[in-house]
């Protein structure tokens, strides 16, 4: 197959992705150096192991240990995460992040962000998680056990926050042996916060609600939803297995601000209707967001 030059839009997307990787590396390094490592909190993964090794022997630079520890893990990533593009971006990120950790650390000596370890665990976890979400959006990983976590996510369908906890359990136990079990608990707080923050960056805030309505007056409810809320309605027939009666089932997606209006419409149109309101992150399609691809 002949080589084809990428289109200008593709080149811009690739450049933008690598800029995001650099920004994420800066955020990640600040979170680890200024908040977590400074408070003897292992941030999990290879970074956590590097912090523990540096605590045991200050001659072992954290950044260098992170770089060395990632070599075998990225070999696995090349096999399970869809080829070399993910690996190249991950290696690029890990190199930048590792260098920044060792560069930033001497610059922040003497800077104190507080003596409350819970606060530093929370803020450090948020920064690490934000960086992780940006890296994943840019088509890479943070390396280390985040690569292993993404492998679990792809292979088993686990949420990123859950897979990260699984892959970092051993590091938390090791942190407990070195920093004490209270330090291990703070490490768990940081890991959980990082996972939630990463999921937030990947999926976005919960801005929409979905409603499933079982009613015998589907046309009236649909008409009012279309007129009053400006939202579409999908309907199908369902059967109550206890009563063996046939009812209409309506599915509606609305914004959070429209939930009360939807409840009022249903209550006024069919007081006997059964309605379940669910929570969603974002909706794509007519009336909501346009589907966009990730940065290539």
Protein backbone atom coordinates (compact mmCIF):
# COMPACT_ATOMS: atom_id res chain seq x y z
CA UNK A 1 0.00 0.00 0.00
CA UNK A 2 1.58 3.35 -1.04
CA UNK A 3 2.41 5.88 1.64
CA UNK A 4 -0.17 8.63 1.97
CA UNK A 5 0.61 12.01 3.46
CA UNK A 6 -1.70 12.83 6.38
CA UNK A 7 -4.21 15.57 5.82
CA UNK A 8 -3.56 18.97 7.46
CA UNK A 9 -6.41 18.38 9.91
CA UNK A 10 -4.83 15.08 10.96
CA UNK A 11 -1.45 16.74 11.45
CA UNK A 12 -3.03 19.42 13.62
CA UNK A 13 -4.79 16.77 15.70
CA UNK A 14 -1.56 14.84 16.22
CA UNK A 15 0.35 17.98 17.22
CA UNK A 16 -2.44 18.98 19.59
CA UNK A 17 -2.41 15.50 21.16
CA UNK A 18 1.31 15.75 21.90
CA UNK A 19 0.87 19.24 23.37
CA UNK A 20 -1.80 17.80 25.67
CA UNK A 21 0.61 15.03 26.67
CA UNK A 22 3.20 17.62 27.70
CA UNK A 23 0.63 19.60 29.69
CA UNK A 24 -0.54 16.39 31.40
CA UNK A 25 3.08 15.50 32.26
CA UNK A 26 3.53 18.88 33.96
CA UNK A 27 0.31 18.45 35.96
CA UNK A 28 1.23 14.88 36.92
CA UNK A 29 4.76 15.81 38.00
CA UNK A 30 3.50 18.69 40.17
CA UNK A 31 0.89 16.45 41.78
CA UNK A 32 3.45 13.77 42.64
CA UNK A 33 6.36 15.99 43.70
CA UNK A 34 4.58 18.85 45.45
CA UNK A 35 1.75 16.93 47.09
CA UNK A 36 2.21 13.16 47.28
CA UNK A 37 5.95 12.46 47.53
CA UNK A 38 6.45 15.47 49.81
CA UNK A 39 3.96 13.93 52.27
CA UNK A 40 5.33 10.37 52.00
CA UNK A 41 2.28 9.21 50.09
CA UNK A 42 2.94 6.66 47.37
CA UNK A 43 0.93 7.73 44.29
CA UNK A 44 0.52 4.15 43.14
CA UNK A 45 2.01 2.26 40.23
CA UNK A 46 5.60 2.63 39.14
CA UNK A 47 5.62 6.19 40.48
CA UNK A 48 4.67 4.88 43.90
CA UNK A 49 7.41 2.28 43.82
CA UNK A 50 9.88 4.99 42.76
CA UNK A 51 8.82 7.20 45.69
CA UNK A 52 9.28 4.28 48.09
CA UNK A 53 12.73 3.44 46.67
CA UNK A 54 13.78 7.09 46.93
CA UNK A 55 12.61 7.15 50.54
CA UNK A 56 14.73 4.10 51.30
CA UNK A 57 17.75 5.39 49.35
CA UNK A 58 17.86 9.08 48.37
CA UNK A 59 20.50 8.30 45.75
CA UNK A 60 17.80 6.73 43.56
CA UNK A 61 16.11 9.55 41.59
CA UNK A 62 12.35 9.16 41.38
CA UNK A 63 12.14 10.10 37.71
CA UNK A 64 14.88 7.69 36.65
CA UNK A 65 13.25 4.83 38.56
CA UNK A 66 9.94 5.60 36.86
CA UNK A 67 11.59 5.47 33.46
CA UNK A 68 13.36 2.16 34.13
CA UNK A 69 10.26 0.54 35.66
CA UNK A 70 8.15 1.34 32.61
CA UNK A 71 10.28 -0.52 30.08
CA UNK A 72 8.82 -4.03 30.57
CA UNK A 73 5.29 -2.73 31.08
CA UNK A 74 5.27 -0.93 27.74
CA UNK A 75 6.17 -4.17 26.02
CA UNK A 76 2.85 -5.55 27.31
CA UNK A 77 1.10 -2.36 26.25
CA UNK A 78 2.33 -2.79 22.69
CA UNK A 79 0.69 -6.19 22.58
CA UNK A 80 -2.68 -5.48 24.21
CA UNK A 81 -3.46 -1.81 23.59
CA UNK A 82 -3.82 -1.74 19.86
CA UNK A 83 -0.39 -1.29 18.36
CA UNK A 84 2.47 1.15 18.47
CA UNK A 85 0.58 4.43 18.45
CA UNK A 86 -0.49 4.04 22.07
CA UNK A 87 2.98 2.84 23.04
CA UNK A 88 4.76 5.71 21.27
CA UNK A 89 2.57 8.31 22.97
CA UNK A 90 2.92 6.57 26.30
CA UNK A 91 6.71 6.40 26.02
CA UNK A 92 6.78 10.07 25.00
CA UNK A 93 4.68 10.95 28.03
CA UNK A 94 6.69 8.79 30.44
CA UNK A 95 9.99 10.31 29.30
CA UNK A 96 8.69 13.89 29.68
CA UNK A 97 7.06 13.10 33.02
CA UNK A 98 10.13 11.34 34.41
CA UNK A 99 12.42 14.22 33.46
CA UNK A 100 10.02 16.78 34.92
CA UNK A 101 9.81 14.91 38.23
CA UNK A 102 13.58 15.11 38.72
CA UNK A 103 13.73 18.70 37.40
CA UNK A 104 10.85 20.07 39.47
CA UNK A 105 11.72 18.34 42.73
CA UNK A 106 14.80 20.48 43.57
CA UNK A 107 12.87 23.62 42.62
CA UNK A 108 10.08 23.02 45.15
CA UNK A 109 12.29 22.15 48.11
CA UNK A 110 11.10 24.22 51.02
CA UNK A 111 7.65 24.86 49.51
CA UNK A 112 4.96 23.59 51.88
CA UNK A 113 1.37 23.15 50.78
CA UNK A 114 0.20 22.27 54.28
CA UNK A 115 0.76 19.62 56.91
CA UNK A 116 -2.61 17.91 56.50
CA UNK A 117 -1.89 14.63 54.73
CA UNK A 118 -5.54 14.07 53.85
CA UNK A 119 -5.65 17.38 51.97
CA UNK A 120 -2.43 16.66 50.13
CA UNK A 121 -3.67 13.16 49.26
CA UNK A 122 -6.89 14.59 47.82
CA UNK A 123 -5.27 17.38 45.82
CA UNK A 124 -2.42 15.16 44.67
CA UNK A 125 -4.91 12.53 43.57
CA UNK A 126 -6.97 15.12 41.68
CA UNK A 127 -3.93 16.39 39.78
CA UNK A 128 -2.70 12.89 38.96
CA UNK A 129 -6.22 11.90 37.84
CA UNK A 130 -6.66 14.99 35.67
CA UNK A 131 -3.34 14.22 34.03
CA UNK A 132 -4.36 10.59 33.53
CA UNK A 133 -7.63 11.55 31.88
CA UNK A 134 -5.88 13.98 29.53
CA UNK A 135 -3.31 11.34 28.58
CA UNK A 136 -6.04 8.81 27.77
CA UNK A 137 -7.92 11.41 25.73
CA UNK A 138 -4.69 12.05 23.81
CA UNK A 139 -4.36 8.36 22.96
CA UNK A 140 -1.71 7.27 25.47
CA UNK A 141 -1.45 6.16 29.07
CA UNK A 142 0.47 7.34 32.13
CA UNK A 143 2.58 4.24 31.90
CA UNK A 144 3.22 1.86 34.78
CA UNK A 145 0.17 0.29 36.31
CA UNK A 146 -2.11 2.74 34.49
CA UNK A 147 -1.08 0.84 31.36
CA UNK A 148 -1.94 -2.40 33.14
CA UNK A 149 -5.21 -0.82 34.29
CA UNK A 150 -6.11 0.15 30.75
CA UNK A 151 -5.36 -3.38 29.61
CA UNK A 152 -7.87 -4.63 32.22
CA UNK A 153 -10.33 -1.98 31.08
CA UNK A 154 -10.07 -3.14 27.47
CA UNK A 155 -10.02 -6.86 28.20
CA UNK A 156 -12.60 -7.05 31.03
CA UNK A 157 -14.63 -3.86 30.61
CA UNK A 158 -13.76 -2.56 34.09
CA UNK A 159 -14.13 1.18 34.77
CA UNK A 160 -10.80 2.98 34.86
CA UNK A 161 -11.14 3.82 38.57
CA UNK A 162 -11.77 0.16 39.45
CA UNK A 163 -8.98 -1.27 37.30
CA UNK A 164 -6.53 1.27 38.73
CA UNK A 165 -7.36 0.19 42.27
CA UNK A 166 -6.82 -3.47 41.34
CA UNK A 167 -3.44 -2.89 39.73
CA UNK A 168 -2.17 -0.65 42.54
CA UNK A 169 -3.09 -2.84 45.52
CA UNK A 170 0.43 -4.27 45.81
CA UNK A 171 1.96 -0.79 45.80
CA UNK A 172 -0.38 0.30 48.59
CA UNK A 173 0.64 -2.69 50.70
CA UNK A 174 4.31 -1.90 50.10
CA UNK A 175 3.68 1.74 51.04
CA UNK A 176 2.10 0.55 54.29
CA UNK A 177 5.22 -1.44 55.15
CA UNK A 178 7.51 1.52 54.44
CA UNK A 179 5.49 4.60 55.41
CA UNK A 180 3.17 2.99 57.96
CA UNK A 181 -0.40 1.85 57.50
CA UNK A 182 -1.75 5.36 57.92
CA UNK A 183 0.33 6.32 54.91
CA UNK A 184 -1.17 3.38 53.02
CA UNK A 185 -4.67 4.66 53.79
CA UNK A 186 -3.77 8.07 52.42
CA UNK A 187 -2.39 6.34 49.33
CA UNK A 188 -5.77 4.64 48.84
CA UNK A 189 -7.49 8.04 49.11
CA UNK A 190 -5.13 9.48 46.49
CA UNK A 191 -5.64 6.50 44.16
CA UNK A 192 -9.42 6.58 44.42
CA UNK A 193 -9.51 10.35 43.88
CA UNK A 194 -7.22 10.01 40.87
CA UNK A 195 -9.47 7.33 39.35
CA UNK A 196 -12.60 9.45 39.81
CA UNK A 197 -10.88 12.53 38.37
CA UNK A 198 -9.67 10.53 35.35
CA UNK A 199 -13.19 9.19 34.72
CA UNK A 200 -14.52 12.76 34.97
CA UNK A 201 -12.09 13.98 32.32
CA UNK A 202 -12.89 11.02 30.04
CA UNK A 203 -16.68 11.01 30.41
CA UNK A 204 -17.41 14.59 31.44
CA UNK A 205 -19.86 15.84 34.04
CA UNK A 206 -23.29 14.29 34.43
CA UNK A 207 -25.32 16.76 32.39
CA UNK A 208 -28.23 14.72 31.08
CA UNK A 209 -31.02 12.57 32.49
CA UNK A 210 -32.87 9.70 30.87
CA UNK A 211 -36.48 8.87 31.65
CA UNK A 212 -38.32 5.61 31.05
CA UNK A 213 -42.09 6.05 31.31
CA UNK A 214 -44.73 3.30 31.30
CA UNK A 215 -48.09 4.78 30.40
CA UNK A 216 -51.44 4.19 28.73
CA UNK A 217 -51.45 7.73 27.29
CA UNK A 218 -48.28 7.77 25.20
CA UNK A 219 -49.48 10.14 22.48
CA UNK A 220 -50.55 12.85 24.93
CA UNK A 221 -47.28 12.66 26.90
CA UNK A 222 -45.17 12.62 23.74
CA UNK A 223 -46.99 15.63 22.32
CA UNK A 224 -46.46 17.65 25.49
CA UNK A 225 -42.79 16.65 25.73
CA UNK A 226 -42.27 17.75 22.13
CA UNK A 227 -44.12 21.05 22.64
CA UNK A 228 -43.01 21.99 26.19
CA UNK A 229 -39.48 20.56 26.33
CA UNK A 230 -38.51 20.35 22.68
CA UNK A 231 -37.22 16.79 23.12
CA UNK A 232 -37.82 13.69 21.07
CA UNK A 233 -39.58 10.61 22.36
CA UNK A 234 -39.06 6.95 21.48
CA UNK A 235 -41.93 4.51 22.14
CA UNK A 236 -42.44 0.78 22.09
CA UNK A 237 -44.94 -1.70 23.49
CA UNK A 238 -44.34 -3.56 26.73
CA UNK A 239 -46.24 -6.12 28.75
CA UNK A 240 -46.56 -6.20 32.54
CA UNK A 241 -45.65 -9.75 33.53
CA UNK A 242 -47.72 -9.57 36.73
CA UNK A 243 -50.87 -7.95 35.32
CA UNK A 244 -50.35 -9.33 31.78
CA UNK A 245 -51.57 -5.97 30.48
CA UNK A 246 -49.98 -4.16 27.53
CA UNK A 247 -48.64 -0.64 28.06
CA UNK A 248 -46.57 1.83 26.10
CA UNK A 249 -42.98 2.45 27.12
CA UNK A 250 -41.49 5.88 26.39
CA UNK A 251 -37.80 6.74 26.45
CA UNK A 252 -36.79 10.41 26.76
CA UNK A 253 -33.46 12.18 27.19
CA UNK A 254 -33.48 15.65 28.77
CA UNK A 255 -31.05 18.05 30.40
CA UNK A 256 -30.83 18.24 34.19
CA UNK A 257 -32.68 21.55 34.17
CA UNK A 258 -35.67 19.94 32.40
CA UNK A 259 -36.29 17.13 34.90
CA UNK A 260 -38.85 19.05 36.98
CA UNK A 261 -40.74 20.13 33.86
CA UNK A 262 -40.78 16.54 32.62
CA UNK A 263 -42.16 15.32 35.95
CA UNK A 264 -44.87 17.97 35.81
CA UNK A 265 -45.82 17.02 32.25
CA UNK A 266 -46.16 13.35 33.15
CA UNK A 267 -48.05 14.06 36.38
CA UNK A 268 -50.54 16.36 34.64
CA UNK A 269 -51.01 14.11 31.60
CA UNK A 270 -51.13 10.65 33.20
CA UNK A 271 -51.02 10.57 37.04
CA UNK A 272 -51.01 6.75 36.88
CA UNK A 273 -47.85 6.56 34.78
CA UNK A 274 -44.74 4.80 36.11
CA UNK A 275 -41.54 6.78 35.55
CA UNK A 276 -37.88 6.02 36.24
CA UNK A 277 -35.30 8.79 35.86
CA UNK A 278 -31.69 7.75 35.31
CA UNK A 279 -28.43 9.66 35.27
CA UNK A 280 -26.16 9.98 32.27
CA UNK A 281 -22.96 11.82 31.48
CA UNK A 282 -23.57 13.17 28.01
CA UNK A 283 -25.87 12.61 25.04
CA UNK A 284 -24.82 12.69 21.40
CA UNK A 285 -27.20 13.33 18.54
CA UNK A 286 -29.86 15.79 17.47
CA UNK A 287 -30.60 18.34 20.17
CA UNK A 288 -27.46 17.44 22.12
CA UNK A 289 -23.76 17.20 21.28
CA UNK A 290 -22.33 16.26 17.93
CA UNK A 291 -20.31 13.03 17.98
CA UNK A 292 -16.62 13.86 17.79
CA UNK A 293 -13.66 11.53 17.43
CA UNK A 294 -10.76 11.59 19.85
CA UNK A 295 -7.52 13.26 18.89
CA UNK A 296 -5.89 11.03 16.31
